[in-house]
Amino acid sequence: VLAKVFEEHERQKVANGEMLDDDGLVLCVDAGGTSCKA
């Protein structure tokens, strides 16, 4: 499962104290009555 490979990679980086590059990331969610779009 490729998604699980990537999740494992992320956990390893965090465990090794590596900084994940979150600089400038923004999130917007349009959570409407018909559907939710992020």
PDB file of all heavy atoms in Angstrom:
ATOM      1  N   VAL A   1       0.854  -1.194   0.000  1.00  0.00           N
ATOM      2  CA  VAL A   1       0.000   0.000   0.000  1.00  0.00           C
ATOM      3  C   VAL A   1       0.889   1.244   0.000  1.00  0.00           C
ATOM      4  O   VAL A   1       1.569   1.535   0.989  1.00  0.00           O
ATOM      5  CB  VAL A   1      -0.946   0.010   1.213  1.00  0.00           C
ATOM      6  CG1 VAL A   1      -1.832   1.253   1.181  1.00  0.00           C
ATOM      7  CG2 VAL A   1      -1.807  -1.258   1.216  1.00  0.00           C
ATOM      8  N   LEU A   2       0.889   1.980  -1.103  1.00  0.00           N
ATOM      9  CA  LEU A   2       1.788   3.115  -1.265  1.00  0.00           C
ATOM     10  C   LEU A   2       1.524   4.205  -0.229  1.00  0.00           C
ATOM     11  O   LEU A   2       2.462   4.823   0.297  1.00  0.00           O
ATOM     12  CB  LEU A   2       1.645   3.684  -2.676  1.00  0.00           C
ATOM     13  CG  LEU A   2       2.693   4.692  -3.138  1.00  0.00           C
ATOM     14  CD1 LEU A   2       4.088   4.100  -3.063  1.00  0.00           C
ATOM     15  CD2 LEU A   2       2.392   5.144  -4.565  1.00  0.00           C
ATOM     16  N   ALA A   3       0.275   4.458   0.075  1.00  0.00           N
ATOM     17  CA  ALA A   3      -0.054   5.500   1.058  1.00  0.00           C
ATOM     18  C   ALA A   3       0.575   5.176   2.415  1.00  0.00           C
ATOM     19  O   ALA A   3       1.056   6.075   3.122  1.00  0.00           O
ATOM     20  CB  ALA A   3      -1.565   5.647   1.195  1.00  0.00           C
ATOM     21  N   LYS A   4       0.584   3.902   2.777  1.00  0.00           N
ATOM     22  CA  LYS A   4       1.169   3.511   4.073  1.00  0.00           C
ATOM     23  C   LYS A   4       2.690   3.659   4.053  1.00  0.00           C
ATOM     24  O   LYS A   4       3.312   3.934   5.083  1.00  0.00           O
ATOM     25  CB  LYS A   4       0.752   2.083   4.435  1.00  0.00           C
ATOM     26  CG  LYS A   4      -0.739   1.938   4.729  1.00  0.00           C
ATOM     27  CD  LYS A   4      -1.065   0.558   5.248  1.00  0.00           C
ATOM     28  CE  LYS A   4      -2.544   0.437   5.573  1.00  0.00           C
ATOM     29  NZ  LYS A   4      -2.953   1.367   6.643  1.00  0.00           N
ATOM     30  N   VAL A   5       3.300   3.468   2.878  1.00  0.00           N
ATOM     31  CA  VAL A   5       4.741   3.690   2.750  1.00  0.00           C
ATOM     32  C   VAL A   5       5.076   5.145   3.048  1.00  0.00           C
ATOM     33  O   VAL A   5       6.026   5.453   3.775  1.00  0.00           O
ATOM     34  CB  VAL A   5       5.221   3.306   1.332  1.00  0.00           C
ATOM     35  CG1 VAL A   5       6.675   3.743   1.111  1.00  0.00           C
ATOM     36  CG2 VAL A   5       5.084   1.806   1.112  1.00  0.00           C
ATOM     37  N   PHE A   6       4.275   6.046   2.502  1.00  0.00           N
ATOM     38  CA  PHE A   6       4.518   7.474   2.716  1.00  0.00           C
ATOM     39  C   PHE A   6       4.259   7.867   4.173  1.00  0.00           C
ATOM     40  O   PHE A   6       4.965   8.707   4.744  1.00  0.00           O
ATOM     41  CB  PHE A   6       3.649   8.304   1.781  1.00  0.00           C
ATOM     42  CG  PHE A   6       3.992   8.129   0.321  1.00  0.00           C
ATOM     43  CD1 PHE A   6       3.087   8.464  -0.669  1.00  0.00           C
ATOM     44  CD2 PHE A   6       5.223   7.622  -0.056  1.00  0.00           C
ATOM     45  CE1 PHE A   6       3.401   8.309  -2.006  1.00  0.00           C
ATOM     46  CE2 PHE A   6       5.553   7.457  -1.397  1.00  0.00           C
ATOM     47  CZ  PHE A   6       4.635   7.801  -2.379  1.00  0.00           C
ATOM     48  N   GLU A   7       3.230   7.273   4.780  1.00  0.00           N
ATOM     49  CA  GLU A   7       2.955   7.555   6.188  1.00  0.00           C
ATOM     50  C   GLU A   7       4.123   7.104   7.066  1.00  0.00           C
ATOM     51  O   GLU A   7       4.520   7.807   8.000  1.00  0.00           O
ATOM     52  CB  GLU A   7       1.665   6.843   6.618  1.00  0.00           C
ATOM     53  CG  GLU A   7       0.400   7.403   5.995  1.00  0.00           C
ATOM     54  CD  GLU A   7      -0.810   6.539   6.294  1.00  0.00           C
ATOM     55  OE1 GLU A   7      -0.735   5.732   7.249  1.00  0.00           O
ATOM     56  OE2 GLU A   7      -1.827   6.655   5.575  1.00  0.00           O
ATOM     57  N   GLU A   8       4.669   5.925   6.772  1.00  0.00           N
ATOM     58  CA  GLU A   8       5.820   5.426   7.522  1.00  0.00           C
ATOM     59  C   GLU A   8       7.010   6.376   7.360  1.00  0.00           C
ATOM     60  O   GLU A   8       7.721   6.682   8.326  1.00  0.00           O
ATOM     61  CB  GLU A   8       6.195   4.034   7.012  1.00  0.00           C
ATOM     62  CG  GLU A   8       7.431   3.432   7.672  1.00  0.00           C
ATOM     63  CD  GLU A   8       7.896   2.173   6.967  1.00  0.00           C
ATOM     64  OE1 GLU A   8       8.327   2.282   5.792  1.00  0.00           O
ATOM     65  OE2 GLU A   8       7.827   1.101   7.583  1.00  0.00           O
ATOM     66  N   HIS A   9       7.215   6.874   6.156  1.00  0.00           N
ATOM     67  CA  HIS A   9       8.319   7.804   5.879  1.00  0.00           C
ATOM     68  C   HIS A   9       8.167   9.076   6.700  1.00  0.00           C
ATOM     69  O   HIS A   9       9.148   9.594   7.268  1.00  0.00           O
ATOM     70  CB  HIS A   9       8.329   8.122   4.383  1.00  0.00           C
ATOM     71  CG  HIS A   9       9.392   9.088   3.966  1.00  0.00           C
ATOM     72  ND1 HIS A   9      10.733   8.819   4.074  1.00  0.00           N
ATOM     73  CD2 HIS A   9       9.300  10.348   3.444  1.00  0.00           C
ATOM     74  CE1 HIS A   9      11.437   9.850   3.631  1.00  0.00           C
ATOM     75  NE2 HIS A   9      10.584  10.788   3.244  1.00  0.00           N
ATOM     76  N   GLU A  10       6.933   9.569   6.784  1.00  0.00           N
ATOM     77  CA  GLU A  10       6.686  10.785   7.560  1.00  0.00           C
ATOM     78  C   GLU A  10       6.962  10.551   9.042  1.00  0.00           C
ATOM     79  O   GLU A  10       7.584  11.379   9.715  1.00  0.00           O
ATOM     80  CB  GLU A  10       5.238  11.244   7.363  1.00  0.00           C
ATOM     81  CG  GLU A  10       4.897  12.512   8.125  1.00  0.00           C
ATOM     82  CD  GLU A  10       3.438  12.897   7.958  1.00  0.00           C
ATOM     83  OE1 GLU A  10       2.806  12.426   7.002  1.00  0.00           O
ATOM     84  OE2 GLU A  10       2.942  13.663   8.793  1.00  0.00           O
ATOM     85  N   ARG A  11       6.516   9.389   9.556  1.00  0.00           N
ATOM     86  CA  ARG A  11       6.750   9.082  10.972  1.00  0.00           C
ATOM     87  C   ARG A  11       8.245   8.999  11.274  1.00  0.00           C
ATOM     88  O   ARG A  11       8.712   9.447  12.330  1.00  0.00           O
ATOM     89  CB  ARG A  11       6.059   7.768  11.350  1.00  0.00           C
ATOM     90  CG  ARG A  11       4.542   7.848  11.397  1.00  0.00           C
ATOM     91  CD  ARG A  11       3.957   6.625  12.100  1.00  0.00           C
ATOM     92  NE  ARG A  11       4.324   5.379  11.433  1.00  0.00           N
ATOM     93  CZ  ARG A  11       3.619   4.817  10.463  1.00  0.00           C
ATOM     94  NH1 ARG A  11       2.519   5.401  10.035  1.00  0.00           N
ATOM     95  NH2 ARG A  11       4.014   3.663   9.922  1.00  0.00           N
ATOM     96  N   GLN A  12       8.992   8.420  10.332  1.00  0.00           N
ATOM     97  CA  GLN A  12      10.428   8.307  10.529  1.00  0.00           C
ATOM     98  C   GLN A  12      11.097   9.679  10.576  1.00  0.00           C
ATOM     99  O   GLN A  12      11.991   9.916  11.395  1.00  0.00           O
ATOM    100  CB  GLN A  12      11.038   7.454   9.408  1.00  0.00           C
ATOM    101  CG  GLN A  12      10.702   5.972   9.499  1.00  0.00           C
ATOM    102  CD  GLN A  12      11.226   5.191   8.311  1.00  0.00           C
ATOM    103  OE1 GLN A  12      11.647   5.765   7.300  1.00  0.00           O
ATOM    104  NE2 GLN A  12      11.200   3.862   8.413  1.00  0.00           N
ATOM    105  N   LYS A  13      10.667  10.573   9.718  1.00  0.00           N
ATOM    106  CA  LYS A  13      11.255  11.920   9.700  1.00  0.00           C
ATOM    107  C   LYS A  13      10.977  12.650  11.011  1.00  0.00           C
ATOM    108  O   LYS A  13      11.852  13.309  11.571  1.00  0.00           O
ATOM    109  CB  LYS A  13      10.705  12.721   8.520  1.00  0.00           C
ATOM    110  CG  LYS A  13      11.167  12.218   7.161  1.00  0.00           C
ATOM    111  CD  LYS A  13      10.612  13.050   6.030  1.00  0.00           C
ATOM    112  CE  LYS A  13      11.225  14.441   5.990  1.00  0.00           C
ATOM    113  NZ  LYS A  13      10.797  15.217   4.823  1.00  0.00           N
ATOM    114  N   VAL A  14       9.763  12.501  11.509  1.00  0.00           N
ATOM    115  CA  VAL A  14       9.409  13.143  12.783  1.00  0.00           C
ATOM    116  C   VAL A  14      10.224  12.525  13.916  1.00  0.00           C
ATOM    117  O   VAL A  14      10.751  13.236  14.790  1.00  0.00           O
ATOM    118  CB  VAL A  14       7.897  13.005  13.053  1.00  0.00           C
ATOM    119  CG1 VAL A  14       7.559  13.506  14.449  1.00  0.00           C
ATOM    120  CG2 VAL A  14       7.100  13.781  12.016  1.00  0.00           C
ATOM    121  N   ALA A  15      10.339  11.207  13.921  1.00  0.00           N
ATOM    122  CA  ALA A  15      11.093  10.525  14.978  1.00  0.00           C
ATOM    123  C   ALA A  15      12.567  10.920  14.946  1.00  0.00           C
ATOM    124  O   ALA A  15      13.228  10.970  15.993  1.00  0.00           O
ATOM    125  CB  ALA A  15      10.953   9.012  14.827  1.00  0.00           C
ATOM    126  N   ASN A  16      13.082  11.217  13.759  1.00  0.00           N
ATOM    127  CA  ASN A  16      14.485  11.618  13.632  1.00  0.00           C
ATOM    128  C   ASN A  16      14.706  13.104  13.908  1.00  0.00           C
ATOM    129  O   ASN A  16      15.833  13.593  13.786  1.00  0.00           O
ATOM    130  CB  ASN A  16      14.997  11.281  12.225  1.00  0.00           C
ATOM    131  CG  ASN A  16      15.052   9.791  11.967  1.00  0.00           C
ATOM    132  OD1 ASN A  16      15.147   9.004  12.907  1.00  0.00           O
ATOM    133  ND2 ASN A  16      14.990   9.396  10.704  1.00  0.00           N
ATOM    134  N   GLY A  17      13.632  13.788  14.251  1.00  0.00           N
ATOM    135  CA  GLY A  17      13.750  15.203  14.574  1.00  0.00           C
ATOM    136  C   GLY A  17      13.894  16.101  13.364  1.00  0.00           C
ATOM    137  O   GLY A  17      14.262  17.279  13.488  1.00  0.00           O
ATOM    138  N   GLU A  18      13.589  15.587  12.181  1.00  0.00           N
ATOM    139  CA  GLU A  18      13.684  16.409  10.984  1.00  0.00           C
ATOM    140  C   GLU A  18      12.499  17.359  10.920  1.00  0.00           C
ATOM    141  O   GLU A  18      11.364  17.000  11.235  1.00  0.00           O
ATOM    142  CB  GLU A  18      13.703  15.531   9.733  1.00  0.00           C
ATOM    143  CG  GLU A  18      14.895  14.601   9.659  1.00  0.00           C
ATOM    144  CD  GLU A  18      14.863  13.761   8.391  1.00  0.00           C
ATOM    145  OE1 GLU A  18      14.554  14.327   7.328  1.00  0.00           O
ATOM    146  OE2 GLU A  18      15.141  12.555   8.474  1.00  0.00           O
ATOM    147  N   MET A  19      12.763  18.583  10.509  1.00  0.00           N
ATOM    148  CA  MET A  19      11.712  19.588  10.396  1.00  0.00           C
ATOM    149  C   MET A  19      10.945  19.372   9.089  1.00  0.00           C
ATOM    150  O   MET A  19      11.540  19.228   8.020  1.00  0.00           O
ATOM    151  CB  MET A  19      12.310  20.997  10.421  1.00  0.00           C
ATOM    152  CG  MET A  19      12.968  21.357  11.739  1.00  0.00           C
ATOM    153  SD  MET A  19      11.782  21.388  13.127  1.00  0.00           S
ATOM    154  CE  MET A  19      10.766  22.771  12.624  1.00  0.00           C
ATOM    155  N   LEU A  20       9.646  19.330   9.186  1.00  0.00           N
ATOM    156  CA  LEU A  20       8.808  19.228   8.003  1.00  0.00           C
ATOM    157  C   LEU A  20       8.472  20.636   7.522  1.00  0.00           C
ATOM    158  O   LEU A  20       8.159  21.517   8.323  1.00  0.00           O
ATOM    159  CB  LEU A  20       7.527  18.451   8.323  1.00  0.00           C
ATOM    160  CG  LEU A  20       7.765  17.014   8.803  1.00  0.00           C
ATOM    161  CD1 LEU A  20       6.445  16.382   9.212  1.00  0.00           C
ATOM    162  CD2 LEU A  20       8.432  16.193   7.722  1.00  0.00           C
ATOM    163  N   ASP A  21       8.570  20.855   6.228  1.00  0.00           N
ATOM    164  CA  ASP A  21       8.409  22.195   5.674  1.00  0.00           C
ATOM    165  C   ASP A  21       6.933  22.561   5.556  1.00  0.00           C
ATOM    166  O   ASP A  21       6.266  22.194   4.593  1.00  0.00           O
ATOM    167  CB  ASP A  21       9.083  22.267   4.300  1.00  0.00           C
ATOM    168  CG  ASP A  21       9.055  23.686   3.728  1.00  0.00           C
ATOM    169  OD1 ASP A  21       8.758  24.619   4.498  1.00  0.00           O
ATOM    170  OD2 ASP A  21       9.336  23.844   2.529  1.00  0.00           O
ATOM    171  N   ASP A  22       6.417  23.259   6.577  1.00  0.00           N
ATOM    172  CA  ASP A  22       5.030  23.713   6.573  1.00  0.00           C
ATOM    173  C   ASP A  22       4.931  25.209   6.288  1.00  0.00           C
ATOM    174  O   ASP A  22       3.850  25.789   6.378  1.00  0.00           O
ATOM    175  CB  ASP A  22       4.362  23.421   7.923  1.00  0.00           C
ATOM    176  CG  ASP A  22       4.266  21.932   8.203  1.00  0.00           C
ATOM    177  OD1 ASP A  22       4.367  21.156   7.247  1.00  0.00           O
ATOM    178  OD2 ASP A  22       4.095  21.565   9.377  1.00  0.00           O
ATOM    179  N   ASP A  23       6.050  25.847   5.980  1.00  0.00           N
ATOM    180  CA  ASP A  23       6.075  27.298   5.850  1.00  0.00           C
ATOM    181  C   ASP A  23       5.106  27.769   4.773  1.00  0.00           C
ATOM    182  O   ASP A  23       5.210  27.385   3.605  1.00  0.00           O
ATOM    183  CB  ASP A  23       7.492  27.767   5.493  1.00  0.00           C
ATOM    184  CG  ASP A  23       7.566  29.289   5.379  1.00  0.00           C
ATOM    185  OD1 ASP A  23       6.932  29.968   6.211  1.00  0.00           O
ATOM    186  OD2 ASP A  23       8.248  29.769   4.456  1.00  0.00           O
ATOM    187  N   GLY A  24       4.159  28.626   5.182  1.00  0.00           N
ATOM    188  CA  GLY A  24       3.267  29.260   4.227  1.00  0.00           C
ATOM    189  C   GLY A  24       2.086  28.444   3.780  1.00  0.00           C
ATOM    190  O   GLY A  24       1.304  28.897   2.934  1.00  0.00           O
ATOM    191  N   LEU A  25       1.892  27.244   4.288  1.00  0.00           N
ATOM    192  CA  LEU A  25       0.754  26.430   3.873  1.00  0.00           C
ATOM    193  C   LEU A  25      -0.545  26.982   4.450  1.00  0.00           C
ATOM    194  O   LEU A  25      -0.611  27.318   5.634  1.00  0.00           O
ATOM    195  CB  LEU A  25       0.930  24.984   4.324  1.00  0.00           C
ATOM    196  CG  LEU A  25       1.979  24.146   3.599  1.00  0.00           C
ATOM    197  CD1 LEU A  25       2.145  22.802   4.289  1.00  0.00           C
ATOM    198  CD2 LEU A  25       1.579  23.936   2.138  1.00  0.00           C
ATOM    199  N   VAL A  26      -1.562  27.076   3.610  1.00  0.00           N
ATOM    200  CA  VAL A  26      -2.872  27.519   4.077  1.00  0.00           C
ATOM    201  C   VAL A  26      -3.916  26.475   3.688  1.00  0.00           C
ATOM    202  O   VAL A  26      -3.716  25.685   2.766  1.00  0.00           O
ATOM    203  CB  VAL A  26      -3.267  28.899   3.493  1.00  0.00           C
ATOM    204  CG1 VAL A  26      -2.281  29.969   3.933  1.00  0.00           C
ATOM    205  CG2 VAL A  26      -3.376  28.840   1.973  1.00  0.00           C
ATOM    206  N   LEU A  27      -5.020  26.509   4.394  1.00  0.00           N
ATOM    207  CA  LEU A  27      -6.105  25.552   4.186  1.00  0.00           C
ATOM    208  C   LEU A  27      -7.423  26.292   4.116  1.00  0.00           C
ATOM    209  O   LEU A  27      -7.694  27.171   4.941  1.00  0.00           O
ATOM    210  CB  LEU A  27      -6.151  24.543   5.342  1.00  0.00           C
ATOM    211  CG  LEU A  27      -7.397  23.657   5.443  1.00  0.00           C
ATOM    212  CD1 LEU A  27      -7.439  22.655   4.293  1.00  0.00           C
ATOM    213  CD2 LEU A  27      -7.430  22.930   6.786  1.00  0.00           C
ATOM    214  N   CYS A  28      -8.234  25.942   3.134  1.00  0.00           N
ATOM    215  CA  CYS A  28      -9.592  26.487   3.064  1.00  0.00           C
ATOM    216  C   CYS A  28     -10.558  25.346   2.777  1.00  0.00           C
ATOM    217  O   CYS A  28     -10.303  24.503   1.906  1.00  0.00           O
ATOM    218  CB  CYS A  28      -9.702  27.555   1.979  1.00  0.00           C
ATOM    219  SG  CYS A  28     -11.307  28.400   1.990  1.00  0.00           S
ATOM    220  N   VAL A  29     -11.669  25.318   3.515  1.00  0.00           N
ATOM    221  CA  VAL A  29     -12.664  24.251   3.380  1.00  0.00           C
ATOM    222  C   VAL A  29     -14.036  24.864   3.136  1.00  0.00           C
ATOM    223  O   VAL A  29     -14.496  25.705   3.916  1.00  0.00           O
ATOM    224  CB  VAL A  29     -12.710  23.355   4.635  1.00  0.00           C
ATOM    225  CG1 VAL A  29     -13.722  22.230   4.437  1.00  0.00           C
ATOM    226  CG2 VAL A  29     -11.345  22.794   4.958  1.00  0.00           C
ATOM    227  N   ASP A  30     -14.664  24.460   2.048  1.00  0.00           N
ATOM    228  CA  ASP A  30     -16.038  24.849   1.744  1.00  0.00           C
ATOM    229  C   ASP A  30     -16.941  23.685   2.123  1.00  0.00           C
ATOM    230  O   ASP A  30     -17.204  22.785   1.330  1.00  0.00           O
ATOM    231  CB  ASP A  30     -16.159  25.178   0.250  1.00  0.00           C
ATOM    232  CG  ASP A  30     -17.586  25.530  -0.160  1.00  0.00           C
ATOM    233  OD1 ASP A  30     -18.393  25.849   0.732  1.00  0.00           O
ATOM    234  OD2 ASP A  30     -17.883  25.484  -1.374  1.00  0.00           O
ATOM    235  N   ALA A  31     -17.380  23.683   3.377  1.00  0.00           N
ATOM    236  CA  ALA A  31     -18.162  22.570   3.924  1.00  0.00           C
ATOM    237  C   ALA A  31     -19.646  22.866   3.759  1.00  0.00           C
ATOM    238  O   ALA A  31     -20.314  23.354   4.679  1.00  0.00           O
ATOM    239  CB  ALA A  31     -17.808  22.348   5.395  1.00  0.00           C
ATOM    240  N   GLY A  32     -20.170  22.602   2.581  1.00  0.00           N
ATOM    241  CA  GLY A  32     -21.551  22.937   2.269  1.00  0.00           C
ATOM    242  C   GLY A  32     -22.524  21.813   2.525  1.00  0.00           C
ATOM    243  O   GLY A  32     -22.161  20.720   2.945  1.00  0.00           O
ATOM    244  N   GLY A  33     -23.776  22.088   2.239  1.00  0.00           N
ATOM    245  CA  GLY A  33     -24.825  21.114   2.490  1.00  0.00           C
ATOM    246  C   GLY A  33     -24.841  19.968   1.501  1.00  0.00           C
ATOM    247  O   GLY A  33     -25.348  18.891   1.794  1.00  0.00           O
ATOM    248  N   THR A  34     -24.291  20.182   0.298  1.00  0.00           N
ATOM    249  CA  THR A  34     -24.268  19.134  -0.715  1.00  0.00           C
ATOM    250  C   THR A  34     -22.983  18.340  -0.683  1.00  0.00           C
ATOM    251  O   THR A  34     -22.980  17.114  -0.818  1.00  0.00           O
ATOM    252  CB  THR A  34     -24.443  19.744  -2.119  1.00  0.00           C
ATOM    253  OG1 THR A  34     -25.672  20.473  -2.159  1.00  0.00           O
ATOM    254  CG2 THR A  34     -24.473  18.660  -3.181  1.00  0.00           C
ATOM    255  N   SER A  35     -21.854  19.034  -0.498  1.00  0.00           N
ATOM    256  CA  SER A  35     -20.560  18.365  -0.464  1.00  0.00           C
ATOM    257  C   SER A  35     -19.556  19.222   0.288  1.00  0.00           C
ATOM    258  O   SER A  35     -19.829  20.389   0.600  1.00  0.00           O
ATOM    259  CB  SER A  35     -20.039  18.093  -1.886  1.00  0.00           C
ATOM    260  OG  SER A  35     -19.803  19.319  -2.558  1.00  0.00           O
ATOM    261  N   CYS A  36     -18.406  18.632   0.583  1.00  0.00           N
ATOM    262  CA  CYS A  36     -17.337  19.335   1.279  1.00  0.00           C
ATOM    263  C   CYS A  36     -16.112  19.370   0.365  1.00  0.00           C
ATOM    264  O   CYS A  36     -15.654  18.325  -0.100  1.00  0.00           O
ATOM    265  CB  CYS A  36     -16.990  18.620   2.589  1.00  0.00           C
ATOM    266  SG  CYS A  36     -15.641  19.388   3.499  1.00  0.00           S
ATOM    267  N   LYS A  37     -15.595  20.571   0.106  1.00  0.00           N
ATOM    268  CA  LYS A  37     -14.432  20.731  -0.763  1.00  0.00           C
ATOM    269  C   LYS A  37     -13.335  21.427   0.028  1.00  0.00           C
ATOM    270  O   LYS A  37     -13.564  22.472   0.628  1.00  0.00           O
ATOM    271  CB  LYS A  37     -14.793  21.537  -2.006  1.00  0.00           C
ATOM    272  CG  LYS A  37     -15.892  20.910  -2.859  1.00  0.00           C
ATOM    273  CD  LYS A  37     -16.216  21.780  -4.046  1.00  0.00           C
ATOM    274  CE  LYS A  37     -17.312  21.133  -4.909  1.00  0.00           C
ATOM    275  NZ  LYS A  37     -18.599  21.061  -4.210  1.00  0.00           N
ATOM    276  N   ALA A  38     -12.143  20.833   0.011  1.00  0.00           N
ATOM    277  CA  ALA A  38     -11.003  21.389   0.739  1.00  0.00           C
ATOM    278  C   ALA A  38      -9.873  21.701  -0.238  1.00  0.00           C
ATOM    279  O   ALA A  38      -9.687  20.990  -1.231  1.00  0.00           O
ATOM    280  CB  ALA A  38     -10.520  20.412   1.808  1.00  0.00           C
TER     281      ALA A  38
END
